[in-house]
C-alpha atoms as a PDB file:
ATOM      1  CA  MET A   1    -162.802 -70.199 -70.597  1.00  0.00           C
ATOM      2  CA  LYS A   2    -160.214 -67.431 -70.662  1.00  0.00           C
ATOM      3  CA  THR A   3    -160.113 -65.083 -73.716  1.00  0.00           C
ATOM      4  CA  THR A   4    -158.694 -61.725 -74.543  1.00  0.00           C
ATOM      5  CA  LEU A   5    -160.925 -58.813 -75.851  1.00  0.00           C
ATOM      6  CA  ASN A   6    -160.088 -55.267 -76.872  1.00  0.00           C
ATOM      7  CA  ILE A   7    -162.561 -53.059 -75.082  1.00  0.00           C
ATOM      8  CA  ASP A   8    -162.689 -49.340 -75.373  1.00  0.00           C
ATOM      9  CA  GLU A   9    -161.308 -47.537 -72.210  1.00  0.00           C
ATOM     10  CA  THR A  10    -164.523 -45.682 -71.510  1.00  0.00           C
ATOM     11  CA  VAL A  11    -166.693 -48.906 -71.690  1.00  0.00           C
ATOM     12  CA  MET A  12    -164.062 -50.727 -69.529  1.00  0.00           C
ATOM     13  CA  ALA A  13    -164.310 -47.871 -66.967  1.00  0.00           C
ATOM     14  CA  GLU A  14    -168.210 -48.180 -66.935  1.00  0.00           C
ATOM     15  CA  LEU A  15    -167.971 -52.010 -66.698  1.00  0.00           C
ATOM     16  CA  ARG A  16    -165.624 -51.674 -63.694  1.00  0.00           C
ATOM     17  CA  ARG A  17    -167.970 -49.163 -61.999  1.00  0.00           C
ATOM     18  CA  GLU A  18    -171.056 -51.231 -62.675  1.00  0.00           C
ATOM     19  CA  ALA A  19    -169.419 -54.409 -61.342  1.00  0.00           C
ATOM     20  CA  ALA A  20    -168.374 -52.758 -58.099  1.00  0.00           C
ATOM     21  CA  ARG A  21    -171.822 -51.188 -57.840  1.00  0.00           C
ATOM     22  CA  GLN A  22    -173.551 -54.532 -58.154  1.00  0.00           C
ATOM     23  CA  GLY A  23    -170.855 -56.442 -56.215  1.00  0.00           C
ATOM     24  CA  ARG A  24    -170.248 -58.822 -59.280  1.00  0.00           C
ATOM     25  CA  THR A  25    -167.287 -59.583 -61.351  1.00  0.00           C
ATOM     26  CA  MET A  26    -166.729 -57.855 -64.645  1.00  0.00           C
ATOM     27  CA  SER A  27    -166.696 -61.404 -66.284  1.00  0.00           C
ATOM     28  CA  ASP A  28    -170.143 -62.081 -64.926  1.00  0.00           C
ATOM     29  CA  LEU A  29    -171.522 -58.827 -66.302  1.00  0.00           C
ATOM     30  CA  VAL A  30    -170.105 -59.384 -69.627  1.00  0.00           C
ATOM     31  CA  GLU A  31    -171.302 -62.973 -69.772  1.00  0.00           C
ATOM     32  CA  THR A  32    -174.815 -61.923 -68.699  1.00  0.00           C
ATOM     33  CA  ALA A  33    -174.842 -59.195 -71.253  1.00  0.00           C
ATOM     34  CA  LEU A  34    -173.769 -61.478 -74.083  1.00  0.00           C
ATOM     35  CA  ARG A  35    -176.243 -64.077 -72.998  1.00  0.00           C
ATOM     36  CA  ASN A  36    -179.096 -61.556 -72.987  1.00  0.00           C
ATOM     37  CA  LEU A  37    -177.942 -60.303 -76.521  1.00  0.00           C
ATOM     38  CA  PHE A  38    -178.092 -63.707 -77.980  1.00  0.00           C
ATOM     39  CA  LYS A  39    -181.359 -64.512 -76.340  1.00  0.00           C
ATOM     40  CA  SER A  40    -183.089 -61.470 -77.696  1.00  0.00           C
ATOM     41  CA  GLN A  41    -181.708 -62.103 -81.241  1.00  0.00           C
ATOM     42  CA  SER A  42    -182.904 -65.742 -81.313  1.00  0.00           C
ATOM     43  CA  LYS A  43    -186.575 -64.888 -80.531  1.00  0.00           C
ATOM     44  CA  PRO A  44    -188.894 -63.794 -83.311  1.00  0.00           C
ATOM     45  CA  ALA A  45    -190.548 -60.487 -82.768  1.00  0.00           C
ATOM     46  CA  GLU A  46    -194.035 -60.791 -81.371  1.00  0.00           C
ATOM     47  CA  PHE A  47    -196.283 -58.199 -82.908  1.00  0.00           C
ATOM     48  CA  ALA A  48    -199.880 -57.429 -81.982  1.00  0.00           C
ATOM     49  CA  PRO A  49    -202.309 -58.614 -84.685  1.00  0.00           C
ATOM     50  CA  LEU A  50    -203.163 -55.997 -87.128  1.00  0.00           C
ATOM     51  CA  PRO A  51    -206.685 -54.573 -86.987  1.00  0.00           C
ATOM     52  CA  THR A  52    -209.159 -55.721 -89.573  1.00  0.00           C
ATOM     53  CA  PHE A  53    -212.032 -53.750 -91.036  1.00  0.00           C
ATOM     54  CA  HIS A  54    -215.151 -54.633 -92.890  1.00  0.00           C
ATOM     55  CA  GLY A  55    -215.093 -52.273 -95.823  1.00  0.00           C
ATOM     56  CA  GLY A  56    -218.599 -52.969 -96.896  1.00  0.00           C
ATOM     57  CA  GLY A  57    -217.732 -54.261-100.373  1.00  0.00           C
ATOM     58  CA  ALA A  58    -216.442 -52.707-103.543  1.00  0.00           C
ATOM     59  CA  VAL A  59    -217.668 -49.279-104.536  1.00  0.00           C
ATOM     60  CA  VAL A  60    -216.535 -49.661-108.072  1.00  0.00           C
ATOM     61  CA  ASP A  61    -215.334 -52.380-110.377  1.00  0.00           C
ATOM     62  CA  ILE A  62    -211.622 -51.541-110.855  1.00  0.00           C
ATOM     63  CA  ALA A  63    -211.557 -53.256-114.255  1.00  0.00           C
ATOM     64  CA  ASP A  64    -213.886 -50.571-115.490  1.00  0.00           C
ATOM     65  CA  ARG A  65    -211.681 -47.407-116.249  1.00  0.00           C
ATOM     66  CA  GLU A  66    -214.675 -45.157-116.799  1.00  0.00           C
ATOM     67  CA  ALA A  67    -216.277 -46.281-113.454  1.00  0.00           C
ATOM     68  CA  LEU A  68    -212.972 -45.494-111.701  1.00  0.00           C
ATOM     69  CA  TYR A  69    -212.707 -42.060-113.216  1.00  0.00           C
ATOM     70  CA  GLN A  70    -216.390 -41.366-112.227  1.00  0.00           C
ATOM     71  CA  ALA A  71    -215.649 -42.581-108.683  1.00  0.00           C
ATOM     72  CA  MET A  72    -212.413 -40.521-108.357  1.00  0.00           C
ATOM     73  CA  GLU A  73    -213.854 -37.412-109.902  1.00  0.00           C
ATOM     74  CA  GLY A  74    -217.141 -37.567-108.300  1.00  0.00           C
ATOM     75  CA  ARG A  75    -219.021 -37.604-111.587  1.00  0.00           C
END
């Protein structure tokens, strides 16, 4: 399919150089770049699982204000 795009001159110059360097057409490079852009956007990010720790249980009952003050102030 043919289309018209407005591309910055410096970007177009880079595209021409890269197409010549790779021996590919500019259209092929643009199509490949767009496909990669859309492919990367459609995948959900995969993150490593967060570490878990065993804290050993509660030190103080957070509902007990006085106990909280004692724990924070070292009383």
